[in-house]
Amino acid sequence: MKQLASNMVEILNKQGVKILISYDTPVAGFDIHRRPFVTEAWYSRTTTRHIHKYFNKFNTIDSDPVRCTVDKIYGFYNGEENVA
């Protein structure tokens, strides 16, 4: 687990997926092929700022993040999803 800022951490799951946790909610990250993904759900202005900060300050991305359901991101978080 890597603390990025207040209430903002990045974890690496057992498959190598990087996941941004804003407060206690997984909301964005990178799959095993370094493709960015982001939740399609809206949580708060602060979480939205965390997502933008994550992609713009802590990581450089070449393409727009793929929008994912919250269930899929929780699957990444728990190592249950087969990341393609």
N, C-alpha and C. Protein backbone atom coordinates (compact mmCIF):
# COMPACT_ATOMS: atom_id res chain seq x y z
N MET A 1 0.85 -1.17 0.00
CA MET A 1 0.00 0.00 0.00
C MET A 1 0.89 1.24 0.00
N LYS A 2 0.55 2.19 -0.84
CA LYS A 2 1.34 3.42 -0.98
C LYS A 2 0.44 4.63 -0.70
N GLN A 3 0.76 5.38 0.33
CA GLN A 3 0.01 6.60 0.66
C GLN A 3 0.39 7.69 -0.33
N LEU A 4 -0.58 8.19 -1.10
CA LEU A 4 -0.33 9.22 -2.10
C LEU A 4 -0.63 10.62 -1.56
N ALA A 5 -1.66 10.72 -0.75
CA ALA A 5 -2.08 11.98 -0.15
C ALA A 5 -3.09 11.63 0.94
N SER A 6 -3.59 12.64 1.60
CA SER A 6 -4.59 12.41 2.64
C SER A 6 -5.81 11.70 2.05
N ASN A 7 -6.21 10.58 2.64
CA ASN A 7 -7.37 9.79 2.20
C ASN A 7 -7.25 9.28 0.77
N MET A 8 -6.01 9.06 0.33
CA MET A 8 -5.74 8.63 -1.05
C MET A 8 -4.56 7.66 -1.04
N VAL A 9 -4.84 6.38 -1.30
CA VAL A 9 -3.78 5.38 -1.33
C VAL A 9 -3.87 4.56 -2.60
N GLU A 10 -2.74 3.98 -2.98
CA GLU A 10 -2.68 3.07 -4.12
C GLU A 10 -2.26 1.71 -3.60
N ILE A 11 -2.98 0.68 -4.05
CA ILE A 11 -2.60 -0.68 -3.69
C ILE A 11 -2.28 -1.44 -4.98
N LEU A 12 -1.57 -2.53 -4.82
CA LEU A 12 -1.25 -3.43 -5.91
C LEU A 12 -1.84 -4.78 -5.54
N ASN A 13 -2.82 -5.27 -6.34
CA ASN A 13 -3.41 -6.56 -5.99
C ASN A 13 -2.51 -7.71 -6.43
N LYS A 14 -2.90 -8.92 -6.13
CA LYS A 14 -2.03 -10.08 -6.39
C LYS A 14 -1.81 -10.35 -7.87
N GLN A 15 -2.67 -9.79 -8.76
CA GLN A 15 -2.47 -9.96 -10.20
C GLN A 15 -1.64 -8.84 -10.81
N GLY A 16 -1.28 -7.83 -10.00
CA GLY A 16 -0.49 -6.72 -10.51
C GLY A 16 -1.31 -5.52 -10.94
N VAL A 17 -2.57 -5.48 -10.56
CA VAL A 17 -3.44 -4.35 -10.89
C VAL A 17 -3.23 -3.27 -9.82
N LYS A 18 -2.96 -2.04 -10.28
CA LYS A 18 -2.84 -0.90 -9.36
C LYS A 18 -4.22 -0.29 -9.18
N ILE A 19 -4.60 -0.03 -7.92
CA ILE A 19 -5.93 0.48 -7.63
C ILE A 19 -5.83 1.69 -6.70
N LEU A 20 -6.49 2.78 -7.10
CA LEU A 20 -6.57 3.97 -6.27
C LEU A 20 -7.74 3.82 -5.31
N ILE A 21 -7.48 4.01 -4.03
CA ILE A 21 -8.52 4.00 -3.01
C ILE A 21 -8.70 5.44 -2.53
N SER A 22 -9.89 5.97 -2.70
CA SER A 22 -10.23 7.31 -2.20
C SER A 22 -11.12 7.10 -0.98
N TYR A 23 -10.65 7.56 0.16
CA TYR A 23 -11.28 7.24 1.44
C TYR A 23 -11.26 5.72 1.56
N ASP A 24 -12.37 5.02 1.55
CA ASP A 24 -12.36 3.56 1.64
C ASP A 24 -12.87 2.89 0.37
N THR A 25 -12.93 3.63 -0.73
CA THR A 25 -13.56 3.13 -1.94
C THR A 25 -12.56 3.03 -3.09
N PRO A 26 -12.44 1.85 -3.72
CA PRO A 26 -11.60 1.73 -4.91
C PRO A 26 -12.29 2.43 -6.09
N VAL A 27 -11.59 3.38 -6.72
CA VAL A 27 -12.25 4.20 -7.75
C VAL A 27 -11.52 4.27 -9.09
N ALA A 28 -10.26 3.89 -9.15
CA ALA A 28 -9.51 4.01 -10.41
C ALA A 28 -8.26 3.15 -10.32
N GLY A 29 -7.52 3.09 -11.43
CA GLY A 29 -6.26 2.37 -11.40
C GLY A 29 -5.75 2.02 -12.78
N PHE A 30 -4.89 1.01 -12.79
CA PHE A 30 -4.28 0.52 -14.02
C PHE A 30 -4.34 -0.99 -14.03
N ASP A 31 -4.76 -1.58 -15.17
CA ASP A 31 -4.78 -3.04 -15.26
C ASP A 31 -3.36 -3.57 -15.46
N ILE A 32 -3.24 -4.88 -15.64
CA ILE A 32 -1.90 -5.49 -15.74
C ILE A 32 -1.15 -5.07 -17.00
N HIS A 33 -1.88 -4.49 -17.97
CA HIS A 33 -1.26 -4.01 -19.20
C HIS A 33 -1.05 -2.49 -19.16
N ARG A 34 -1.19 -1.91 -17.96
CA ARG A 34 -1.04 -0.48 -17.70
C ARG A 34 -2.09 0.38 -18.41
N ARG A 35 -3.25 -0.21 -18.68
CA ARG A 35 -4.37 0.56 -19.24
C ARG A 35 -5.14 1.17 -18.07
N PRO A 36 -5.41 2.48 -18.11
CA PRO A 36 -6.12 3.12 -17.01
C PRO A 36 -7.60 2.78 -17.01
N PHE A 37 -8.17 2.68 -15.82
CA PHE A 37 -9.62 2.51 -15.67
C PHE A 37 -10.10 3.39 -14.54
N VAL A 38 -11.39 3.73 -14.59
CA VAL A 38 -11.98 4.61 -13.59
C VAL A 38 -13.44 4.20 -13.39
N THR A 39 -13.94 4.41 -12.19
CA THR A 39 -15.33 4.09 -11.91
C THR A 39 -16.27 4.96 -12.74
N GLU A 40 -17.41 4.39 -13.10
CA GLU A 40 -18.42 5.19 -13.78
C GLU A 40 -19.36 5.84 -12.78
N ALA A 41 -19.22 5.50 -11.52
CA ALA A 41 -20.06 6.09 -10.46
C ALA A 41 -19.44 7.41 -9.98
N TRP A 42 -20.29 8.29 -9.49
CA TRP A 42 -19.83 9.55 -8.93
C TRP A 42 -19.97 9.48 -7.42
N TYR A 43 -18.94 9.87 -6.68
CA TYR A 43 -18.97 9.81 -5.22
C TYR A 43 -19.01 11.18 -4.58
N SER A 44 -18.05 12.01 -4.88
CA SER A 44 -17.98 13.34 -4.28
C SER A 44 -17.00 14.19 -5.07
N ARG A 45 -17.02 15.48 -4.80
CA ARG A 45 -16.05 16.37 -5.47
C ARG A 45 -14.63 16.01 -5.05
N THR A 46 -14.46 15.65 -3.79
CA THR A 46 -13.12 15.30 -3.31
C THR A 46 -12.60 14.04 -3.99
N THR A 47 -13.43 13.01 -4.11
CA THR A 47 -13.01 11.79 -4.79
C THR A 47 -12.71 12.07 -6.26
N THR A 48 -13.51 12.92 -6.90
CA THR A 48 -13.23 13.31 -8.29
C THR A 48 -11.88 13.99 -8.38
N ARG A 49 -11.55 14.86 -7.42
CA ARG A 49 -10.22 15.50 -7.41
C ARG A 49 -9.13 14.45 -7.21
N HIS A 50 -9.37 13.46 -6.34
CA HIS A 50 -8.39 12.39 -6.14
C HIS A 50 -8.11 11.66 -7.45
N ILE A 51 -9.16 11.36 -8.19
CA ILE A 51 -9.00 10.64 -9.47
C ILE A 51 -8.18 11.48 -10.44
N HIS A 52 -8.52 12.75 -10.58
CA HIS A 52 -7.76 13.62 -11.49
C HIS A 52 -6.31 13.75 -11.05
N LYS A 53 -6.10 13.90 -9.77
CA LYS A 53 -4.73 14.01 -9.24
C LYS A 53 -3.95 12.73 -9.51
N TYR A 54 -4.59 11.60 -9.32
CA TYR A 54 -3.96 10.30 -9.54
C TYR A 54 -3.46 10.16 -10.98
N PHE A 55 -4.31 10.51 -11.94
CA PHE A 55 -3.93 10.36 -13.35
C PHE A 55 -3.04 11.49 -13.85
N ASN A 56 -3.14 12.67 -13.29
CA ASN A 56 -2.38 13.81 -13.80
C ASN A 56 -1.08 14.08 -13.05
N LYS A 57 -1.02 13.76 -11.78
CA LYS A 57 0.18 14.06 -11.01
C LYS A 57 1.03 12.81 -10.75
N PHE A 58 0.40 11.72 -10.38
CA PHE A 58 1.14 10.53 -9.99
C PHE A 58 1.39 9.55 -11.13
N ASN A 59 0.64 9.66 -12.19
CA ASN A 59 0.78 8.74 -13.33
C ASN A 59 0.53 9.51 -14.61
N THR A 60 1.28 9.18 -15.64
CA THR A 60 1.05 9.76 -16.96
C THR A 60 0.29 8.73 -17.77
N ILE A 61 -0.80 9.17 -18.40
CA ILE A 61 -1.58 8.23 -19.20
C ILE A 61 -1.60 8.68 -20.65
N ASP A 62 -1.64 7.71 -21.56
CA ASP A 62 -1.65 7.99 -22.99
C ASP A 62 -3.04 7.98 -23.59
N SER A 63 -4.01 7.45 -22.85
CA SER A 63 -5.37 7.36 -23.37
C SER A 63 -6.37 7.64 -22.25
N ASP A 64 -7.61 7.89 -22.65
CA ASP A 64 -8.64 8.11 -21.65
C ASP A 64 -8.88 6.82 -20.87
N PRO A 65 -9.13 6.94 -19.57
CA PRO A 65 -9.41 5.74 -18.78
C PRO A 65 -10.69 5.04 -19.23
N VAL A 66 -10.68 3.72 -19.18
CA VAL A 66 -11.88 2.93 -19.45
C VAL A 66 -12.80 3.08 -18.25
N ARG A 67 -14.08 3.33 -18.50
CA ARG A 67 -15.04 3.47 -17.41
C ARG A 67 -15.51 2.08 -17.01
N CYS A 68 -15.45 1.78 -15.70
CA CYS A 68 -15.81 0.47 -15.17
C CYS A 68 -16.91 0.60 -14.14
N THR A 69 -17.64 -0.48 -13.97
CA THR A 69 -18.62 -0.51 -12.90
C THR A 69 -17.88 -0.63 -11.57
N VAL A 70 -18.54 -0.23 -10.52
CA VAL A 70 -17.96 -0.35 -9.18
C VAL A 70 -17.69 -1.81 -8.86
N ASP A 71 -18.59 -2.70 -9.28
CA ASP A 71 -18.41 -4.13 -9.02
C ASP A 71 -17.12 -4.65 -9.65
N LYS A 72 -16.81 -4.20 -10.85
CA LYS A 72 -15.58 -4.65 -11.52
C LYS A 72 -14.35 -4.15 -10.76
N ILE A 73 -14.38 -2.90 -10.32
CA ILE A 73 -13.24 -2.38 -9.56
C ILE A 73 -13.09 -3.11 -8.23
N TYR A 74 -14.20 -3.40 -7.56
CA TYR A 74 -14.11 -4.20 -6.33
C TYR A 74 -13.57 -5.59 -6.65
N GLY A 75 -13.91 -6.14 -7.83
CA GLY A 75 -13.36 -7.42 -8.23
C GLY A 75 -11.84 -7.34 -8.39
N PHE A 76 -11.36 -6.26 -9.01
CA PHE A 76 -9.91 -6.05 -9.11
C PHE A 76 -9.30 -5.98 -7.72
N TYR A 77 -9.94 -5.20 -6.86
CA TYR A 77 -9.45 -4.98 -5.49
C TYR A 77 -9.32 -6.31 -4.74
N ASN A 78 -10.32 -7.16 -4.90
CA ASN A 78 -10.32 -8.44 -4.19
C ASN A 78 -9.59 -9.55 -4.94
N GLY A 79 -9.07 -9.24 -6.12
CA GLY A 79 -8.36 -10.25 -6.89
C GLY A 79 -9.26 -11.28 -7.52
N GLU A 80 -10.56 -10.97 -7.65
CA GLU A 80 -11.52 -11.94 -8.15
C GLU A 80 -11.74 -11.85 -9.66
N GLU A 81 -11.42 -10.70 -10.23
CA GLU A 81 -11.66 -10.50 -11.66
C GLU A 81 -10.47 -10.99 -12.48
N ASN A 82 -10.76 -11.55 -13.63
CA ASN A 82 -9.73 -11.89 -14.60
C ASN A 82 -9.48 -10.64 -15.42
N VAL A 83 -8.37 -9.99 -15.21
CA VAL A 83 -8.08 -8.73 -15.88
C VAL A 83 -7.55 -9.02 -17.27
N ALA A 84 -8.21 -8.49 -18.28
CA ALA A 84 -7.78 -8.72 -19.66
C ALA A 84 -7.10 -7.51 -20.22
